[in-house]
Amino acid sequence: MELEKKVQYALDRFEIQDVITRYSFGQDLHQGNDNNILETWKDVFTADAVLDYRAAGSEPSSYGEMAVIMRGDGTNPGNMSSFSNWQHLMGNPVVTIEGDKAAARTDLWATHKGKSSDGKSGTSLYVAGAFTDELVHTGQGWRIRYRKLELHFMDMIATL
């Protein structure tokens, strides 16, 4: 591989890694009742992206639909409404690039602190898993077109 192609590969790989990390920023920059994850996710996914989170009990959906499932719609609470805070840590992705298409697999460790209410402890959730992504290079840069969540284990522990 000639030098120019190697440099472009490295630049593409760094951009892909940033896109993958930006997903978790979308989650973690918006804690508690701040549900504006779409502000960040619009720079992560293609408009027609599919998120396949069947491993967590959700049918494949768009990223906008997944935001509602996770955070609610303003009237109905989302899956994350029983948590006060969370953090999503992403491992280094393994990336394969072929032209304007790429594939990546990234380990995930997510913690979710359960809300306490009425003097009762909440339940915290710990998740180990991975994301398998298909990405495409668009006019706005690399974006995820398809994401599949794999779960290795989940533990629920009483919050102190």
N, C-alpha and C. Protein backbone atom coordinates (compact mmCIF):
# COMPACT_ATOMS: atom_id res chain seq x y z
N MET A 1 0.86 -1.18 0.00
CA MET A 1 0.00 0.00 0.00
C MET A 1 0.90 1.24 0.00
N GLU A 2 0.65 2.13 -0.92
CA GLU A 2 1.47 3.34 -1.01
C GLU A 2 1.14 4.29 0.15
N LEU A 3 2.05 5.21 0.42
CA LEU A 3 1.95 6.10 1.57
C LEU A 3 0.64 6.89 1.59
N GLU A 4 0.22 7.45 0.49
CA GLU A 4 -1.00 8.26 0.45
C GLU A 4 -2.22 7.42 0.85
N LYS A 5 -2.29 6.18 0.40
CA LYS A 5 -3.41 5.31 0.75
C LYS A 5 -3.36 4.93 2.24
N LYS A 6 -2.15 4.73 2.76
CA LYS A 6 -2.00 4.40 4.18
C LYS A 6 -2.47 5.58 5.05
N VAL A 7 -2.10 6.78 4.66
CA VAL A 7 -2.51 7.97 5.41
C VAL A 7 -4.02 8.11 5.37
N GLN A 8 -4.64 7.95 4.19
CA GLN A 8 -6.10 8.05 4.08
C GLN A 8 -6.79 6.99 4.91
N TYR A 9 -6.24 5.76 4.91
CA TYR A 9 -6.81 4.69 5.73
C TYR A 9 -6.78 5.10 7.21
N ALA A 10 -5.66 5.64 7.67
CA ALA A 10 -5.54 6.05 9.07
C ALA A 10 -6.53 7.16 9.40
N LEU A 11 -6.67 8.14 8.50
CA LEU A 11 -7.61 9.23 8.73
C LEU A 11 -9.04 8.72 8.79
N ASP A 12 -9.40 7.81 7.87
CA ASP A 12 -10.74 7.23 7.88
C ASP A 12 -10.98 6.44 9.16
N ARG A 13 -9.97 5.68 9.58
CA ARG A 13 -10.12 4.87 10.79
C ARG A 13 -10.33 5.75 12.02
N PHE A 14 -9.58 6.84 12.13
CA PHE A 14 -9.76 7.77 13.25
C PHE A 14 -11.16 8.39 13.23
N GLU A 15 -11.64 8.75 12.05
CA GLU A 15 -12.98 9.34 11.95
C GLU A 15 -14.04 8.31 12.35
N ILE A 16 -13.88 7.07 11.92
CA ILE A 16 -14.82 6.01 12.30
C ILE A 16 -14.81 5.81 13.81
N GLN A 17 -13.65 5.80 14.40
CA GLN A 17 -13.55 5.64 15.85
C GLN A 17 -14.26 6.79 16.56
N ASP A 18 -14.11 8.02 16.04
CA ASP A 18 -14.80 9.17 16.63
C ASP A 18 -16.32 9.03 16.51
N VAL A 19 -16.81 8.55 15.37
CA VAL A 19 -18.25 8.37 15.18
C VAL A 19 -18.78 7.36 16.20
N ILE A 20 -18.07 6.26 16.38
CA ILE A 20 -18.49 5.24 17.33
C ILE A 20 -18.51 5.80 18.75
N THR A 21 -17.50 6.57 19.11
CA THR A 21 -17.44 7.18 20.45
C THR A 21 -18.52 8.24 20.63
N ARG A 22 -18.84 8.97 19.56
CA ARG A 22 -19.85 10.02 19.63
C ARG A 22 -21.21 9.45 20.05
N TYR A 23 -21.49 8.20 19.71
CA TYR A 23 -22.73 7.55 20.14
C TYR A 23 -22.82 7.58 21.67
N SER A 24 -21.76 7.15 22.35
CA SER A 24 -21.81 7.12 23.81
C SER A 24 -21.84 8.52 24.39
N PHE A 25 -21.19 9.49 23.74
CA PHE A 25 -21.30 10.89 24.18
C PHE A 25 -22.75 11.34 24.12
N GLY A 26 -23.46 10.94 23.06
CA GLY A 26 -24.87 11.30 22.95
C GLY A 26 -25.67 10.81 24.14
N GLN A 27 -25.33 9.63 24.62
CA GLN A 27 -25.99 9.11 25.82
C GLN A 27 -25.53 9.87 27.07
N ASP A 28 -24.22 9.99 27.23
CA ASP A 28 -23.67 10.42 28.51
C ASP A 28 -23.67 11.93 28.73
N LEU A 29 -23.70 12.72 27.67
CA LEU A 29 -23.77 14.17 27.83
C LEU A 29 -25.17 14.62 28.24
N HIS A 30 -26.14 13.73 28.13
CA HIS A 30 -27.53 14.05 28.44
C HIS A 30 -28.02 13.13 29.55
N GLN A 31 -27.78 13.54 30.79
CA GLN A 31 -28.10 12.74 31.97
C GLN A 31 -29.49 13.08 32.50
N GLY A 32 -30.04 12.18 33.32
CA GLY A 32 -31.30 12.43 34.01
C GLY A 32 -32.44 12.73 33.04
N ASN A 33 -33.06 13.90 33.23
CA ASN A 33 -34.21 14.28 32.41
C ASN A 33 -33.83 14.99 31.11
N ASP A 34 -32.55 15.18 30.86
CA ASP A 34 -32.09 15.79 29.60
C ASP A 34 -32.10 14.70 28.54
N ASN A 35 -33.08 14.75 27.66
CA ASN A 35 -33.29 13.67 26.69
C ASN A 35 -32.85 14.02 25.28
N ASN A 36 -32.04 15.04 25.10
CA ASN A 36 -31.71 15.53 23.76
C ASN A 36 -30.55 14.77 23.12
N ILE A 37 -30.61 13.46 23.14
CA ILE A 37 -29.53 12.67 22.55
C ILE A 37 -29.47 12.80 21.03
N LEU A 38 -30.59 13.18 20.40
CA LEU A 38 -30.60 13.31 18.95
C LEU A 38 -29.68 14.44 18.48
N GLU A 39 -29.43 15.40 19.37
CA GLU A 39 -28.50 16.49 19.06
C GLU A 39 -27.13 15.94 18.64
N THR A 40 -26.70 14.87 19.29
CA THR A 40 -25.41 14.24 18.98
C THR A 40 -25.57 13.11 17.97
N TRP A 41 -26.63 12.33 18.11
CA TRP A 41 -26.80 11.16 17.25
C TRP A 41 -26.98 11.50 15.78
N LYS A 42 -27.42 12.71 15.45
CA LYS A 42 -27.57 13.08 14.03
C LYS A 42 -26.22 13.06 13.32
N ASP A 43 -25.13 13.16 14.07
CA ASP A 43 -23.78 13.10 13.52
C ASP A 43 -23.16 11.71 13.64
N VAL A 44 -23.97 10.72 14.02
CA VAL A 44 -23.51 9.35 14.19
C VAL A 44 -24.11 8.42 13.14
N PHE A 45 -25.41 8.58 12.89
CA PHE A 45 -26.15 7.64 12.05
C PHE A 45 -26.58 8.27 10.72
N THR A 46 -26.74 7.42 9.70
CA THR A 46 -27.37 7.87 8.46
C THR A 46 -28.86 8.06 8.75
N ALA A 47 -29.53 8.84 7.91
CA ALA A 47 -30.96 9.09 8.12
C ALA A 47 -31.78 7.81 8.11
N ASP A 48 -31.34 6.80 7.36
CA ASP A 48 -32.08 5.54 7.26
C ASP A 48 -31.45 4.41 8.09
N ALA A 49 -30.63 4.76 9.06
CA ALA A 49 -29.93 3.75 9.86
C ALA A 49 -30.93 2.86 10.61
N VAL A 50 -30.51 1.60 10.81
CA VAL A 50 -31.29 0.64 11.58
C VAL A 50 -30.46 0.23 12.79
N LEU A 51 -31.07 0.31 13.98
CA LEU A 51 -30.44 -0.14 15.22
C LEU A 51 -31.14 -1.42 15.64
N ASP A 52 -30.39 -2.49 15.70
CA ASP A 52 -30.92 -3.81 16.04
C ASP A 52 -30.51 -4.13 17.47
N TYR A 53 -31.40 -3.82 18.41
CA TYR A 53 -31.14 -4.04 19.83
C TYR A 53 -32.06 -5.16 20.35
N ARG A 54 -32.33 -6.16 19.50
CA ARG A 54 -33.17 -7.28 19.93
C ARG A 54 -32.60 -7.97 21.16
N ALA A 55 -31.28 -7.97 21.29
CA ALA A 55 -30.65 -8.61 22.45
C ALA A 55 -31.11 -7.96 23.76
N ALA A 56 -31.55 -6.70 23.68
CA ALA A 56 -32.03 -5.98 24.87
C ALA A 56 -33.56 -5.88 24.89
N GLY A 57 -34.22 -6.58 23.96
CA GLY A 57 -35.67 -6.61 23.97
C GLY A 57 -36.37 -5.62 23.06
N SER A 58 -35.64 -4.88 22.23
CA SER A 58 -36.24 -3.91 21.32
C SER A 58 -36.19 -4.43 19.89
N GLU A 59 -37.23 -4.15 19.15
CA GLU A 59 -37.26 -4.50 17.73
C GLU A 59 -36.33 -3.56 16.96
N PRO A 60 -35.80 -3.99 15.82
CA PRO A 60 -34.99 -3.08 15.01
C PRO A 60 -35.76 -1.80 14.72
N SER A 61 -35.07 -0.66 14.82
CA SER A 61 -35.73 0.63 14.69
C SER A 61 -34.76 1.68 14.17
N SER A 62 -35.30 2.83 13.86
CA SER A 62 -34.46 3.98 13.48
C SER A 62 -33.81 4.54 14.74
N TYR A 63 -32.83 5.41 14.57
CA TYR A 63 -32.20 5.98 15.77
C TYR A 63 -33.16 6.94 16.47
N GLY A 64 -34.04 7.59 15.73
CA GLY A 64 -35.05 8.44 16.36
C GLY A 64 -36.02 7.64 17.20
N GLU A 65 -36.45 6.49 16.68
CA GLU A 65 -37.33 5.61 17.44
C GLU A 65 -36.61 5.06 18.67
N MET A 66 -35.31 4.73 18.53
CA MET A 66 -34.55 4.21 19.67
C MET A 66 -34.41 5.28 20.76
N ALA A 67 -34.26 6.54 20.35
CA ALA A 67 -34.19 7.62 21.34
C ALA A 67 -35.47 7.68 22.16
N VAL A 68 -36.62 7.49 21.52
CA VAL A 68 -37.90 7.49 22.23
C VAL A 68 -37.99 6.26 23.14
N ILE A 69 -37.57 5.10 22.66
CA ILE A 69 -37.59 3.89 23.49
C ILE A 69 -36.74 4.10 24.75
N MET A 70 -35.57 4.69 24.57
CA MET A 70 -34.66 4.89 25.71
C MET A 70 -35.09 6.04 26.62
N ARG A 71 -35.48 7.17 26.02
CA ARG A 71 -35.67 8.39 26.79
C ARG A 71 -37.13 8.85 26.94
N GLY A 72 -38.03 8.24 26.19
CA GLY A 72 -39.42 8.64 26.26
C GLY A 72 -39.76 9.67 25.20
N ASP A 73 -41.04 10.03 25.17
CA ASP A 73 -41.52 10.96 24.15
C ASP A 73 -42.04 12.27 24.72
N GLY A 74 -41.76 12.54 25.98
CA GLY A 74 -42.26 13.74 26.64
C GLY A 74 -43.53 13.47 27.42
N THR A 75 -44.28 12.46 27.02
CA THR A 75 -45.49 12.05 27.72
C THR A 75 -45.26 10.73 28.44
N ASN A 76 -44.69 9.78 27.73
CA ASN A 76 -44.41 8.46 28.30
C ASN A 76 -42.92 8.33 28.57
N PRO A 77 -42.55 7.79 29.74
CA PRO A 77 -41.13 7.65 30.05
C PRO A 77 -40.48 6.56 29.22
N GLY A 78 -39.18 6.66 29.03
CA GLY A 78 -38.43 5.65 28.31
C GLY A 78 -37.79 4.63 29.25
N ASN A 79 -37.10 3.66 28.67
CA ASN A 79 -36.46 2.60 29.45
C ASN A 79 -35.45 3.12 30.47
N MET A 80 -34.86 4.27 30.19
CA MET A 80 -33.82 4.78 31.09
C MET A 80 -34.38 5.69 32.18
N SER A 81 -35.69 5.82 32.28
CA SER A 81 -36.29 6.73 33.25
C SER A 81 -36.10 6.28 34.69
N SER A 82 -35.78 5.02 34.91
CA SER A 82 -35.56 4.54 36.28
C SER A 82 -34.11 4.74 36.73
N PHE A 83 -33.30 5.38 35.89
CA PHE A 83 -31.90 5.64 36.23
C PHE A 83 -31.65 7.14 36.35
N SER A 84 -30.78 7.51 37.28
CA SER A 84 -30.46 8.93 37.46
C SER A 84 -29.23 9.34 36.65
N ASN A 85 -28.28 8.43 36.50
CA ASN A 85 -27.04 8.71 35.78
C ASN A 85 -26.55 7.44 35.10
N TRP A 86 -25.67 7.63 34.11
CA TRP A 86 -25.13 6.48 33.38
C TRP A 86 -23.82 6.86 32.71
N GLN A 87 -23.07 5.85 32.35
CA GLN A 87 -21.84 6.05 31.59
C GLN A 87 -21.66 4.86 30.66
N HIS A 88 -21.34 5.16 29.40
CA HIS A 88 -21.13 4.13 28.38
C HIS A 88 -19.68 4.21 27.92
N LEU A 89 -18.92 3.18 28.21
CA LEU A 89 -17.52 3.14 27.83
C LEU A 89 -17.35 2.20 26.64
N MET A 90 -16.67 2.71 25.62
CA MET A 90 -16.47 1.93 24.41
C MET A 90 -15.00 1.52 24.33
N GLY A 91 -14.76 0.26 23.96
CA GLY A 91 -13.40 -0.20 23.74
C GLY A 91 -12.89 0.28 22.39
N ASN A 92 -11.66 -0.04 22.10
CA ASN A 92 -11.11 0.29 20.78
C ASN A 92 -11.75 -0.61 19.74
N PRO A 93 -12.28 -0.01 18.67
CA PRO A 93 -12.95 -0.84 17.66
C PRO A 93 -11.95 -1.57 16.77
N VAL A 94 -12.38 -2.72 16.29
CA VAL A 94 -11.67 -3.42 15.21
C VAL A 94 -12.38 -2.98 13.94
N VAL A 95 -11.65 -2.35 13.01
CA VAL A 95 -12.25 -1.71 11.84
C VAL A 95 -11.69 -2.31 10.56
N THR A 96 -12.59 -2.55 9.60
CA THR A 96 -12.21 -2.95 8.25
C THR A 96 -12.82 -1.94 7.30
N ILE A 97 -12.00 -1.36 6.42
CA ILE A 97 -12.48 -0.35 5.47
C ILE A 97 -12.27 -0.87 4.07
N GLU A 98 -13.33 -0.78 3.26
CA GLU A 98 -13.27 -1.14 1.85
C GLU A 98 -13.97 -0.05 1.06
N GLY A 99 -13.19 0.90 0.53
CA GLY A 99 -13.76 2.02 -0.21
C GLY A 99 -14.59 2.91 0.69
N ASP A 100 -15.88 3.12 0.30
CA ASP A 100 -16.78 3.97 1.08
C ASP A 100 -17.63 3.19 2.06
N LYS A 101 -17.25 1.93 2.34
CA LYS A 101 -17.95 1.12 3.31
C LYS A 101 -16.95 0.62 4.35
N ALA A 102 -17.45 0.43 5.56
CA ALA A 102 -16.58 -0.07 6.63
C ALA A 102 -17.41 -0.93 7.57
N ALA A 103 -16.72 -1.77 8.31
CA ALA A 103 -17.34 -2.58 9.36
C ALA A 103 -16.50 -2.41 10.62
N ALA A 104 -17.17 -2.43 11.76
CA ALA A 104 -16.45 -2.27 13.03
C ALA A 104 -17.13 -3.10 14.11
N ARG A 105 -16.33 -3.57 15.04
CA ARG A 105 -16.85 -4.24 16.24
C ARG A 105 -16.18 -3.59 17.44
N THR A 106 -17.03 -3.16 18.39
CA THR A 106 -16.55 -2.38 19.53
C THR A 106 -17.13 -2.93 20.81
N ASP A 107 -16.28 -3.23 21.79
CA ASP A 107 -16.77 -3.69 23.08
C ASP A 107 -17.44 -2.52 23.82
N LEU A 108 -18.40 -2.88 24.67
CA LEU A 108 -19.19 -1.90 25.42
C LEU A 108 -19.25 -2.31 26.88
N TRP A 109 -19.07 -1.33 27.77
CA TRP A 109 -19.32 -1.50 29.20
C TRP A 109 -20.17 -0.31 29.61
N ALA A 110 -21.39 -0.57 30.08
CA ALA A 110 -22.30 0.51 30.43
C ALA A 110 -22.78 0.34 31.87
N THR A 111 -22.78 1.45 32.60
CA THR A 111 -23.29 1.46 33.97
C THR A 111 -24.45 2.43 34.04
N HIS A 112 -25.47 2.07 34.81
CA HIS A 112 -26.68 2.89 34.95
C HIS A 112 -27.04 2.90 36.44
N LYS A 113 -27.01 4.08 37.06
CA LYS A 113 -27.30 4.20 38.50
C LYS A 113 -28.81 4.33 38.71
N GLY A 114 -29.35 3.40 39.47
CA GLY A 114 -30.79 3.40 39.74
C GLY A 114 -31.21 4.56 40.62
N LYS A 115 -32.40 5.12 40.35
CA LYS A 115 -32.96 6.19 41.16
C LYS A 115 -33.51 5.61 42.46
N SER A 116 -33.32 6.34 43.53
CA SER A 116 -33.96 5.99 44.80
C SER A 116 -35.24 6.78 44.90
N SER A 117 -36.29 6.17 45.44
CA SER A 117 -37.54 6.90 45.62
C SER A 117 -38.26 6.38 46.86
N ASP A 118 -38.96 7.27 47.52
CA ASP A 118 -39.73 6.92 48.72
C ASP A 118 -38.89 6.20 49.75
N GLY A 119 -37.62 6.60 49.88
CA GLY A 119 -36.73 5.99 50.86
C GLY A 119 -36.25 4.61 50.49
N LYS A 120 -36.61 4.13 49.30
CA LYS A 120 -36.20 2.80 48.86
C LYS A 120 -35.04 2.93 47.88
N SER A 121 -34.14 1.98 47.94
CA SER A 121 -33.02 1.96 47.01
C SER A 121 -33.50 1.62 45.61
N GLY A 122 -32.84 2.21 44.64
CA GLY A 122 -33.11 1.85 43.26
C GLY A 122 -32.27 0.64 42.87
N THR A 123 -32.35 0.26 41.62
CA THR A 123 -31.58 -0.86 41.11
C THR A 123 -30.68 -0.36 40.00
N SER A 124 -29.38 -0.58 40.15
CA SER A 124 -28.42 -0.19 39.12
C SER A 124 -28.23 -1.33 38.13
N LEU A 125 -27.91 -0.95 36.90
CA LEU A 125 -27.76 -1.93 35.83
C LEU A 125 -26.35 -1.83 35.27
N TYR A 126 -25.70 -2.97 35.13
CA TYR A 126 -24.36 -3.06 34.55
C TYR A 126 -24.44 -3.97 33.33
N VAL A 127 -23.90 -3.51 32.22
CA VAL A 127 -24.01 -4.23 30.96
C VAL A 127 -22.64 -4.40 30.31
N ALA A 128 -22.32 -5.62 29.91
CA ALA A 128 -21.14 -5.89 29.09
C ALA A 128 -21.63 -6.43 27.75
N GLY A 129 -21.12 -5.86 26.69
CA GLY A 129 -21.56 -6.29 25.37
C GLY A 129 -20.65 -5.76 24.29
N ALA A 130 -21.19 -5.71 23.08
CA ALA A 130 -20.44 -5.21 21.94
C ALA A 130 -21.41 -4.68 20.90
N PHE A 131 -20.92 -3.75 20.09
CA PHE A 131 -21.67 -3.26 18.94
C PHE A 131 -20.96 -3.75 17.68
N THR A 132 -21.74 -4.26 16.74
CA THR A 132 -21.24 -4.58 15.41
C THR A 132 -21.88 -3.56 14.47
N ASP A 133 -21.06 -2.79 13.78
CA ASP A 133 -21.54 -1.69 12.95
C ASP A 133 -21.18 -1.86 11.49
N GLU A 134 -22.08 -1.41 10.62
CA GLU A 134 -21.81 -1.22 9.20
C GLU A 134 -21.85 0.29 8.99
N LEU A 135 -20.78 0.84 8.41
CA LEU A 135 -20.69 2.27 8.20
C LEU A 135 -20.55 2.59 6.72
N VAL A 136 -20.96 3.80 6.35
CA VAL A 136 -20.79 4.29 4.99
C VAL A 136 -20.20 5.69 5.05
N HIS A 137 -19.42 6.02 4.03
CA HIS A 137 -18.87 7.37 3.93
C HIS A 137 -19.86 8.22 3.16
N THR A 138 -20.32 9.30 3.79
CA THR A 138 -21.31 10.19 3.20
C THR A 138 -20.67 11.55 2.94
N GLY A 139 -21.43 12.48 2.42
CA GLY A 139 -20.95 13.84 2.22
C GLY A 139 -20.61 14.53 3.53
N GLN A 140 -21.16 14.04 4.64
CA GLN A 140 -20.88 14.59 5.97
C GLN A 140 -19.83 13.79 6.72
N GLY A 141 -19.24 12.81 6.09
CA GLY A 141 -18.24 11.95 6.73
C GLY A 141 -18.81 10.57 6.98
N TRP A 142 -18.10 9.77 7.78
CA TRP A 142 -18.52 8.41 8.09
C TRP A 142 -19.74 8.42 9.00
N ARG A 143 -20.69 7.52 8.72
CA ARG A 143 -21.89 7.38 9.53
C ARG A 143 -22.23 5.90 9.65
N ILE A 144 -22.87 5.54 10.76
CA ILE A 144 -23.32 4.18 10.98
C ILE A 144 -24.65 3.98 10.25
N ARG A 145 -24.72 2.94 9.41
CA ARG A 145 -25.94 2.61 8.67
C ARG A 145 -26.71 1.48 9.36
N TYR A 146 -25.98 0.60 10.04
CA TYR A 146 -26.60 -0.53 10.73
C TYR A 146 -25.79 -0.82 11.99
N ARG A 147 -26.47 -0.97 13.11
CA ARG A 147 -25.80 -1.29 14.38
C ARG A 147 -26.54 -2.43 15.06
N LYS A 148 -25.78 -3.44 15.46
CA LYS A 148 -26.35 -4.57 16.20
C LYS A 148 -25.71 -4.64 17.57
N LEU A 149 -26.54 -4.73 18.59
CA LEU A 149 -26.08 -4.87 19.97
C LEU A 149 -26.00 -6.34 20.32
N GLU A 150 -24.86 -6.75 20.87
CA GLU A 150 -24.68 -8.09 21.44
C GLU A 150 -24.54 -7.91 22.94
N LEU A 151 -25.20 -8.74 23.71
CA LEU A 151 -25.07 -8.69 25.16
C LEU A 151 -24.30 -9.91 25.63
N HIS A 152 -23.27 -9.66 26.43
CA HIS A 152 -22.51 -10.76 27.04
C HIS A 152 -23.10 -11.10 28.41
N PHE A 153 -23.42 -10.05 29.19
CA PHE A 153 -24.15 -10.24 30.43
C PHE A 153 -24.70 -8.90 30.91
N MET A 154 -25.74 -8.99 31.76
CA MET A 154 -26.31 -7.84 32.45
C MET A 154 -26.50 -8.23 33.90
N ASP A 155 -26.13 -7.32 34.80
CA ASP A 155 -26.37 -7.54 36.22
C ASP A 155 -27.14 -6.36 36.78
N MET A 156 -28.11 -6.65 37.63
CA MET A 156 -28.86 -5.62 38.33
C MET A 156 -28.52 -5.74 39.80
N ILE A 157 -28.12 -4.60 40.39
CA ILE A 157 -27.66 -4.58 41.77
C ILE A 157 -28.35 -3.43 42.50
N ALA A 158 -28.79 -3.67 43.73
CA ALA A 158 -29.44 -2.62 44.52
C ALA A 158 -28.50 -1.44 44.70
N THR A 159 -29.01 -0.24 44.48
CA THR A 159 -28.23 0.99 44.66
C THR A 159 -28.20 1.34 46.13
N LEU A 160 -27.03 1.68 46.62
CA LEU A 160 -26.90 2.06 48.02
C LEU A 160 -27.22 3.53 48.20
